[in-house]
Amino acid sequence: MAIKDLTKMGNPVLRKVALEYPSEEIGGEKFIKLIKDLEDTMKENGGIGIAAPQIGVSYQVAIIQLPDNSERYPDIAKSDQYIVVNPTIEVLDQTEQGFWEGCLSVPGLRGFVHRPRKVKITFLNDRAQQEELILEGFLATVFQHELDHLFGKLYIDRIKDLTLLSYEEEFRQFWQDTI
């Protein structure tokens, strides 16, 4: 198991646009190790997604997988695992939806973030094949959150009303039942 230390808010790697991963190296030993490190670190920390900059690696690589038993997000539906390399995002519906978000790189906080409801993600998978997903709802939000990490953004940058930024304990006490 290769659990890496999480890069936390304040580390400059989280504020840089990550490098595109060389497509000819997808599937190679270095890539496989990176994916394993991301998977292990995400699972160990109870995450539902993780991006390479969150373990200090400045490449456009992320993993997203909604489990059916998340302690941090108890009411979500399970999803497939997505390995996302060099993604682009296109907004298909400007209508915004809001969810309480948390982040492994911003520990102890939750914030209410509005994001586009429907998006199209184009990316390379773990076999260097191009895929395209049209996403709505919470999964669309998770993808947008993780892709933000690849382009130097954190969810806190997208909070419109800072009165809806809360410590985890206060979130559970005052806000969790409102969602």
C-alpha atoms as a PDB file:
ATOM      1  CA  MET A   1       0.000   0.000   0.000  1.00  0.00           C
ATOM      2  CA  ALA A   2       1.335   3.460  -0.883  1.00  0.00           C
ATOM      3  CA  ILE A   3      -0.493   6.046   1.180  1.00  0.00           C
ATOM      4  CA  LYS A   4       0.936   9.488   0.495  1.00  0.00           C
ATOM      5  CA  ASP A   5       0.805  12.616   2.623  1.00  0.00           C
ATOM      6  CA  LEU A   6      -1.936  14.969   1.516  1.00  0.00           C
ATOM      7  CA  THR A   7      -0.991  18.360   0.153  1.00  0.00           C
ATOM      8  CA  LYS A   8      -2.939  20.966   2.093  1.00  0.00           C
ATOM      9  CA  MET A   9      -4.226  24.447   1.338  1.00  0.00           C
ATOM     10  CA  GLY A  10      -1.291  26.836   1.356  1.00  0.00           C
ATOM     11  CA  ASN A  11       1.001  24.508  -0.612  1.00  0.00           C
ATOM     12  CA  PRO A  12       1.767  26.240  -3.941  1.00  0.00           C
ATOM     13  CA  VAL A  13       1.302  23.019  -5.970  1.00  0.00           C
ATOM     14  CA  LEU A  14      -2.455  23.309  -5.327  1.00  0.00           C
ATOM     15  CA  ARG A  15      -2.534  26.749  -6.981  1.00  0.00           C
ATOM     16  CA  LYS A  16      -0.692  25.846 -10.183  1.00  0.00           C
ATOM     17  CA  VAL A  17      -2.089  24.511 -13.435  1.00  0.00           C
ATOM     18  CA  ALA A  18      -0.837  20.921 -13.470  1.00  0.00           C
ATOM     19  CA  LEU A  19       1.111  19.590 -16.439  1.00  0.00           C
ATOM     20  CA  GLU A  20      -0.604  17.370 -18.966  1.00  0.00           C
ATOM     21  CA  TYR A  21       0.373  13.753 -18.423  1.00  0.00           C
ATOM     22  CA  PRO A  22       2.350  12.423 -21.434  1.00  0.00           C
ATOM     23  CA  SER A  23      -0.170  10.232 -23.264  1.00  0.00           C
ATOM     24  CA  GLU A  24       2.540   7.838 -24.429  1.00  0.00           C
ATOM     25  CA  GLU A  25       3.380   7.105 -20.771  1.00  0.00           C
ATOM     26  CA  ILE A  26      -0.179   6.206 -19.735  1.00  0.00           C
ATOM     27  CA  GLY A  27      -0.159   2.563 -18.680  1.00  0.00           C
ATOM     28  CA  GLY A  28       3.549   2.602 -17.921  1.00  0.00           C
ATOM     29  CA  GLU A  29       5.157   1.763 -14.589  1.00  0.00           C
ATOM     30  CA  LYS A  30       5.283   5.382 -13.361  1.00  0.00           C
ATOM     31  CA  PHE A  31       1.616   5.920 -14.282  1.00  0.00           C
ATOM     32  CA  ILE A  32       0.475   2.687 -12.605  1.00  0.00           C
ATOM     33  CA  LYS A  33       2.333   3.671  -9.419  1.00  0.00           C
ATOM     34  CA  LEU A  34       0.709   7.129  -9.457  1.00  0.00           C
ATOM     35  CA  ILE A  35      -2.761   5.599  -9.839  1.00  0.00           C
ATOM     36  CA  LYS A  36      -2.119   3.138  -6.999  1.00  0.00           C
ATOM     37  CA  ASP A  37      -0.829   5.942  -4.765  1.00  0.00           C
ATOM     38  CA  LEU A  38      -3.933   8.021  -5.522  1.00  0.00           C
ATOM     39  CA  GLU A  39      -6.302   5.089  -4.896  1.00  0.00           C
ATOM     40  CA  ASP A  40      -4.660   4.116  -1.615  1.00  0.00           C
ATOM     41  CA  THR A  41      -4.482   7.688  -0.343  1.00  0.00           C
ATOM     42  CA  MET A  42      -8.092   8.428  -1.316  1.00  0.00           C
ATOM     43  CA  LYS A  43      -9.422   5.287   0.376  1.00  0.00           C
ATOM     44  CA  GLU A  44      -7.328   5.743   3.520  1.00  0.00           C
ATOM     45  CA  ASN A  45      -8.672   9.282   3.937  1.00  0.00           C
ATOM     46  CA  GLY A  46     -12.314   8.527   3.128  1.00  0.00           C
ATOM     47  CA  GLY A  47     -12.310  10.537  -0.089  1.00  0.00           C
ATOM     48  CA  ILE A  48     -14.618  10.204  -3.072  1.00  0.00           C
ATOM     49  CA  GLY A  49     -12.132  11.767  -5.439  1.00  0.00           C
ATOM     50  CA  ILE A  50      -8.508  12.808  -5.478  1.00  0.00           C
ATOM     51  CA  ALA A  51      -6.250  14.638  -7.907  1.00  0.00           C
ATOM     52  CA  ALA A  52      -2.502  14.206  -8.340  1.00  0.00           C
ATOM     53  CA  PRO A  53      -1.674  17.704  -6.988  1.00  0.00           C
ATOM     54  CA  GLN A  54      -3.266  16.617  -3.703  1.00  0.00           C
ATOM     55  CA  ILE A  55      -0.329  14.244  -3.190  1.00  0.00           C
ATOM     56  CA  GLY A  56       2.178  16.798  -4.477  1.00  0.00           C
ATOM     57  CA  VAL A  57       2.340  15.539  -8.077  1.00  0.00           C
ATOM     58  CA  SER A  58       1.691  18.274 -10.631  1.00  0.00           C
ATOM     59  CA  TYR A  59       0.047  16.216 -13.373  1.00  0.00           C
ATOM     60  CA  GLN A  60      -3.488  16.314 -14.760  1.00  0.00           C
ATOM     61  CA  VAL A  61      -4.572  12.978 -13.296  1.00  0.00           C
ATOM     62  CA  ALA A  62      -7.539  12.353 -10.998  1.00  0.00           C
ATOM     63  CA  ILE A  63      -9.581   9.458  -9.666  1.00  0.00           C
ATOM     64  CA  ILE A  64     -13.263   9.666  -8.813  1.00  0.00           C
ATOM     65  CA  GLN A  65     -15.300   6.914  -7.200  1.00  0.00           C
ATOM     66  CA  LEU A  66     -18.417   7.327  -5.126  1.00  0.00           C
ATOM     67  CA  PRO A  67     -18.596   4.430  -2.648  1.00  0.00           C
ATOM     68  CA  ASP A  68     -21.848   3.139  -1.233  1.00  0.00           C
ATOM     69  CA  ASN A  69     -20.695   3.557   2.372  1.00  0.00           C
ATOM     70  CA  SER A  70     -18.945   6.930   2.622  1.00  0.00           C
ATOM     71  CA  GLU A  71     -18.721   8.288   6.159  1.00  0.00           C
ATOM     72  CA  ARG A  72     -18.267  11.840   4.856  1.00  0.00           C
ATOM     73  CA  TYR A  73     -21.082  11.577   2.274  1.00  0.00           C
ATOM     74  CA  PRO A  74     -23.525   8.991   3.666  1.00  0.00           C
ATOM     75  CA  ASP A  75     -26.398   9.509   1.212  1.00  0.00           C
ATOM     76  CA  ILE A  76     -24.612   9.232  -2.136  1.00  0.00           C
ATOM     77  CA  ALA A  77     -25.166   6.543  -4.743  1.00  0.00           C
ATOM     78  CA  LYS A  78     -22.213   4.330  -5.679  1.00  0.00           C
ATOM     79  CA  SER A  79     -20.450   5.056  -8.969  1.00  0.00           C
ATOM     80  CA  ASP A  80     -17.896   3.361 -11.170  1.00  0.00           C
ATOM     81  CA  GLN A  81     -14.270   4.299 -10.688  1.00  0.00           C
ATOM     82  CA  TYR A  82     -13.091   6.912 -13.172  1.00  0.00           C
ATOM     83  CA  ILE A  83      -9.426   7.483 -13.933  1.00  0.00           C
ATOM     84  CA  VAL A  84      -9.283  10.875 -15.602  1.00  0.00           C
ATOM     85  CA  VAL A  85      -6.202  12.116 -17.470  1.00  0.00           C
ATOM     86  CA  ASN A  86      -5.774  15.488 -19.235  1.00  0.00           C
ATOM     87  CA  PRO A  87      -9.469  16.416 -19.021  1.00  0.00           C
ATOM     88  CA  THR A  88     -11.462  19.218 -20.563  1.00  0.00           C
ATOM     89  CA  ILE A  89     -14.840  20.362 -19.333  1.00  0.00           C
ATOM     90  CA  GLU A  90     -17.738  21.903 -21.211  1.00  0.00           C
ATOM     91  CA  VAL A  91     -20.758  23.336 -19.431  1.00  0.00           C
ATOM     92  CA  LEU A  92     -23.950  22.005 -21.031  1.00  0.00           C
ATOM     93  CA  ASP A  93     -26.414  23.735 -18.714  1.00  0.00           C
ATOM     94  CA  GLN A  94     -25.629  27.043 -17.004  1.00  0.00           C
ATOM     95  CA  THR A  95     -28.284  26.341 -14.351  1.00  0.00           C
ATOM     96  CA  GLU A  96     -26.465  26.019 -11.066  1.00  0.00           C
ATOM     97  CA  GLN A  97     -26.938  23.457  -8.333  1.00  0.00           C
ATOM     98  CA  GLY A  98     -25.517  23.714  -4.851  1.00  0.00           C
ATOM     99  CA  PHE A  99     -23.948  21.103  -2.601  1.00  0.00           C
ATOM    100  CA  TRP A 100     -21.952  21.153   0.612  1.00  0.00           C
ATOM    101  CA  GLU A 101     -18.397  20.270  -0.380  1.00  0.00           C
ATOM    102  CA  GLY A 102     -15.393  19.165   1.582  1.00  0.00           C
ATOM    103  CA  CYS A 103     -11.843  18.483   0.483  1.00  0.00           C
ATOM    104  CA  LEU A 104      -8.959  16.319   1.635  1.00  0.00           C
ATOM    105  CA  SER A 105      -6.662  19.310   1.028  1.00  0.00           C
ATOM    106  CA  VAL A 106      -8.836  21.647   3.116  1.00  0.00           C
ATOM    107  CA  PRO A 107      -9.344  19.459   6.193  1.00  0.00           C
ATOM    108  CA  GLY A 108     -11.954  20.222   8.786  1.00  0.00           C
ATOM    109  CA  LEU A 109     -14.099  22.546   6.666  1.00  0.00           C
ATOM    110  CA  ARG A 110     -17.259  22.303   4.554  1.00  0.00           C
ATOM    111  CA  GLY A 111     -18.633  24.949   2.224  1.00  0.00           C
ATOM    112  CA  PHE A 112     -21.770  25.370   0.136  1.00  0.00           C
ATOM    113  CA  VAL A 113     -20.747  25.676  -3.521  1.00  0.00           C
ATOM    114  CA  HIS A 114     -22.850  26.404  -6.598  1.00  0.00           C
ATOM    115  CA  ARG A 115     -21.689  24.758  -9.835  1.00  0.00           C
ATOM    116  CA  PRO A 116     -23.174  24.127 -13.284  1.00  0.00           C
ATOM    117  CA  ARG A 117     -25.784  21.356 -13.185  1.00  0.00           C
ATOM    118  CA  LYS A 118     -24.746  19.535 -16.368  1.00  0.00           C
ATOM    119  CA  VAL A 119     -21.274  19.167 -17.879  1.00  0.00           C
ATOM    120  CA  LYS A 120     -19.422  17.188 -20.520  1.00  0.00           C
ATOM    121  CA  ILE A 121     -16.006  15.843 -19.539  1.00  0.00           C
ATOM    122  CA  THR A 122     -13.585  14.673 -22.235  1.00  0.00           C
ATOM    123  CA  PHE A 123     -10.478  12.861 -21.013  1.00  0.00           C
ATOM    124  CA  LEU A 124      -8.039  10.010 -21.537  1.00  0.00           C
ATOM    125  CA  ASN A 125      -8.665   6.878 -19.490  1.00  0.00           C
ATOM    126  CA  ASP A 126      -6.054   4.548 -17.983  1.00  0.00           C
ATOM    127  CA  ARG A 127      -5.547   2.908 -21.406  1.00  0.00           C
ATOM    128  CA  ALA A 128      -4.913   6.288 -23.118  1.00  0.00           C
ATOM    129  CA  GLN A 129      -8.272   6.049 -24.878  1.00  0.00           C
ATOM    130  CA  GLN A 130     -10.428   9.145 -25.143  1.00  0.00           C
ATOM    131  CA  GLU A 131     -13.707   9.035 -23.250  1.00  0.00           C
ATOM    132  CA  GLU A 132     -16.562  11.468 -22.952  1.00  0.00           C
ATOM    133  CA  LEU A 133     -19.045  11.643 -20.095  1.00  0.00           C
ATOM    134  CA  ILE A 134     -22.159  13.752 -19.764  1.00  0.00           C
ATOM    135  CA  LEU A 135     -22.815  14.231 -16.066  1.00  0.00           C
ATOM    136  CA  GLU A 136     -25.527  15.754 -13.906  1.00  0.00           C
ATOM    137  CA  GLY A 137     -26.216  16.029 -10.201  1.00  0.00           C
ATOM    138  CA  PHE A 138     -23.749  15.226  -7.453  1.00  0.00           C
ATOM    139  CA  LEU A 139     -21.379  13.269  -9.720  1.00  0.00           C
ATOM    140  CA  ALA A 140     -21.091  16.351 -11.978  1.00  0.00           C
ATOM    141  CA  THR A 141     -20.171  18.381  -8.900  1.00  0.00           C
ATOM    142  CA  VAL A 142     -17.523  15.864  -7.818  1.00  0.00           C
ATOM    143  CA  PHE A 143     -15.928  15.884 -11.277  1.00  0.00           C
ATOM    144  CA  GLN A 144     -15.868  19.685 -11.340  1.00  0.00           C
ATOM    145  CA  HIS A 145     -14.344  19.759  -7.849  1.00  0.00           C
ATOM    146  CA  GLU A 146     -11.565  17.313  -8.764  1.00  0.00           C
ATOM    147  CA  LEU A 147     -10.849  18.944 -12.121  1.00  0.00           C
ATOM    148  CA  ASP A 148     -10.508  22.290 -10.347  1.00  0.00           C
ATOM    149  CA  HIS A 149      -7.479  20.795  -8.558  1.00  0.00           C
ATOM    150  CA  LEU A 150      -5.810  20.242 -11.931  1.00  0.00           C
ATOM    151  CA  PHE A 151      -6.190  23.914 -12.794  1.00  0.00           C
ATOM    152  CA  GLY A 152      -5.092  25.530  -9.529  1.00  0.00           C
ATOM    153  CA  LYS A 153      -8.502  26.021  -7.915  1.00  0.00           C
ATOM    154  CA  LEU A 154      -9.989  24.948  -4.587  1.00  0.00           C
ATOM    155  CA  TYR A 155     -13.671  24.694  -3.748  1.00  0.00           C
ATOM    156  CA  ILE A 156     -13.357  27.573  -1.302  1.00  0.00           C
ATOM    157  CA  ASP A 157     -12.639  29.842  -4.293  1.00  0.00           C
ATOM    158  CA  ARG A 158     -16.149  29.117  -5.558  1.00  0.00           C
ATOM    159  CA  ILE A 159     -18.111  29.797  -2.367  1.00  0.00           C
ATOM    160  CA  LYS A 160     -20.404  32.767  -3.047  1.00  0.00           C
ATOM    161  CA  ASP A 161     -21.647  33.245   0.526  1.00  0.00           C
ATOM    162  CA  LEU A 162     -18.894  32.874   3.115  1.00  0.00           C
ATOM    163  CA  THR A 163     -21.487  32.491   5.872  1.00  0.00           C
ATOM    164  CA  LEU A 164     -21.901  29.006   4.343  1.00  0.00           C
ATOM    165  CA  LEU A 165     -18.306  28.021   5.115  1.00  0.00           C
ATOM    166  CA  SER A 166     -18.248  25.918   8.261  1.00  0.00           C
ATOM    167  CA  TYR A 167     -16.041  23.721  10.371  1.00  0.00           C
ATOM    168  CA  GLU A 168     -16.991  20.029  10.068  1.00  0.00           C
ATOM    169  CA  GLU A 169     -18.258  19.802  13.647  1.00  0.00           C
ATOM    170  CA  GLU A 170     -20.544  22.818  13.215  1.00  0.00           C
ATOM    171  CA  PHE A 171     -21.647  21.528   9.816  1.00  0.00           C
ATOM    172  CA  ARG A 172     -22.794  18.277  11.419  1.00  0.00           C
ATOM    173  CA  GLN A 173     -24.493  20.141  14.264  1.00  0.00           C
ATOM    174  CA  PHE A 174     -26.231  22.933  12.331  1.00  0.00           C
ATOM    175  CA  TRP A 175     -26.337  22.179   8.606  1.00  0.00           C
ATOM    176  CA  GLN A 176     -26.197  18.458   7.819  1.00  0.00           C
ATOM    177  CA  ASP A 177     -29.906  17.909   8.444  1.00  0.00           C
ATOM    178  CA  THR A 178     -30.759  20.682   5.964  1.00  0.00           C
ATOM    179  CA  ILE A 179     -29.429  18.722   2.978  1.00  0.00           C
END
